[in-house]
Amino acid sequence: MGEGGSSTVMGLAAAFIGIAIMLGVGVQILGNATFDCAGLDANWTVTCNSANTDTRTAYNLLLVALIVVAAVAILFIVRML
């Protein structure tokens, strides 16, 4: 494995670890940070539920990014073999 390949693998590994840490911490925060929309007016309930859904969607997209980085890393390593 050449020097350039090694640094690329290290970069992909660092990206994977960074995204995994952000995802793990974010999910822990998300579990405690979503709003309770039960006692709000009708208009505010819709807005509150929308904000909760948007927050969950953002973390789902972060999970997709983690899977993509892992796939790229695996393909790169297999190509180097």
Protein backbone atom coordinates (compact mmCIF):
# COMPACT_ATOMS: atom_id res chain seq x y z
CA MET A 1 0.00 0.00 0.00
CA GLY A 2 1.47 3.35 -1.01
CA GLU A 3 1.69 6.43 1.15
CA GLY A 4 -1.25 8.12 -0.66
CA GLY A 5 -3.52 5.10 -0.11
CA SER A 6 -2.69 4.99 3.57
CA SER A 7 -3.60 8.63 4.11
CA THR A 8 -6.85 8.18 2.20
CA VAL A 9 -7.82 5.22 4.37
CA MET A 10 -6.97 7.22 7.49
CA GLY A 11 -9.11 10.11 6.23
CA LEU A 12 -12.06 7.82 5.55
CA ALA A 13 -11.65 6.19 8.96
CA ALA A 14 -11.55 9.60 10.64
CA ALA A 15 -14.69 10.69 8.76
CA PHE A 16 -16.48 7.49 9.77
CA ILE A 17 -15.51 7.84 13.43
CA GLY A 18 -16.45 11.54 13.46
CA ILE A 19 -19.87 10.95 11.93
CA ALA A 20 -20.48 7.98 14.26
CA ILE A 21 -19.66 10.10 17.31
CA MET A 22 -21.90 12.95 16.12
CA LEU A 23 -24.69 10.49 15.44
CA GLY A 24 -24.34 8.81 18.83
CA VAL A 25 -24.25 12.06 20.79
CA GLY A 26 -27.04 13.55 18.67
CA VAL A 27 -29.34 10.58 19.24
CA GLN A 28 -28.76 10.81 22.99
CA ILE A 29 -29.63 14.51 22.91
CA LEU A 30 -32.56 13.94 20.57
CA GLY A 31 -34.07 11.39 22.95
CA ASN A 32 -34.36 14.07 25.61
CA ALA A 33 -34.84 17.18 23.49
CA THR A 34 -37.97 16.60 21.44
CA PHE A 35 -40.86 18.76 22.47
CA ASP A 36 -43.99 17.61 24.24
CA CYS A 37 -46.72 19.03 22.03
CA ALA A 38 -49.70 17.87 24.13
CA GLY A 39 -50.75 21.11 25.85
CA LEU A 40 -50.44 23.54 22.94
CA ASP A 41 -52.99 25.28 20.74
CA ALA A 42 -53.92 23.61 17.46
CA ASN A 43 -51.65 25.84 15.34
CA TRP A 44 -48.71 25.46 17.69
CA THR A 45 -49.21 21.68 17.88
CA VAL A 46 -48.78 21.40 14.11
CA THR A 47 -45.62 23.52 14.27
CA CYS A 48 -44.28 21.55 17.23
CA ASN A 49 -44.88 18.19 15.55
CA SER A 50 -43.27 19.49 12.37
CA ALA A 51 -40.17 20.58 14.29
CA ASN A 52 -39.93 17.14 15.94
CA THR A 53 -40.25 15.41 12.58
CA ASP A 54 -37.63 17.67 10.98
CA THR A 55 -35.20 16.93 13.81
CA ARG A 56 -35.66 13.19 13.44
CA THR A 57 -35.26 13.46 9.66
CA ALA A 58 -31.98 15.34 10.06
CA TYR A 59 -30.52 12.55 12.21
CA ASN A 60 -31.77 9.94 9.75
CA LEU A 61 -29.86 11.77 7.01
CA LEU A 62 -26.76 11.74 9.21
CA LEU A 63 -27.15 7.96 9.50
CA VAL A 64 -27.32 7.73 5.70
CA ALA A 65 -24.11 9.78 5.47
CA LEU A 66 -22.45 7.35 7.90
CA ILE A 67 -23.48 4.39 5.76
CA VAL A 68 -22.19 6.09 2.59
CA VAL A 69 -18.81 6.86 4.19
CA ALA A 70 -18.55 3.25 5.39
CA ALA A 71 -19.40 1.96 1.90
CA VAL A 72 -16.81 4.21 0.26
CA ALA A 73 -14.19 3.10 2.77
CA ILE A 74 -14.96 -0.57 2.16
CA LEU A 75 -14.87 -0.15 -1.62
CA PHE A 76 -11.59 1.74 -1.41
CA ILE A 77 -9.98 -0.93 0.77
CA VAL A 78 -11.22 -3.75 -1.47
CA ARG A 79 -9.85 -1.93 -4.51
CA MET A 80 -6.45 -1.66 -2.81
CA LEU A 81 -6.21 -5.42 -2.17
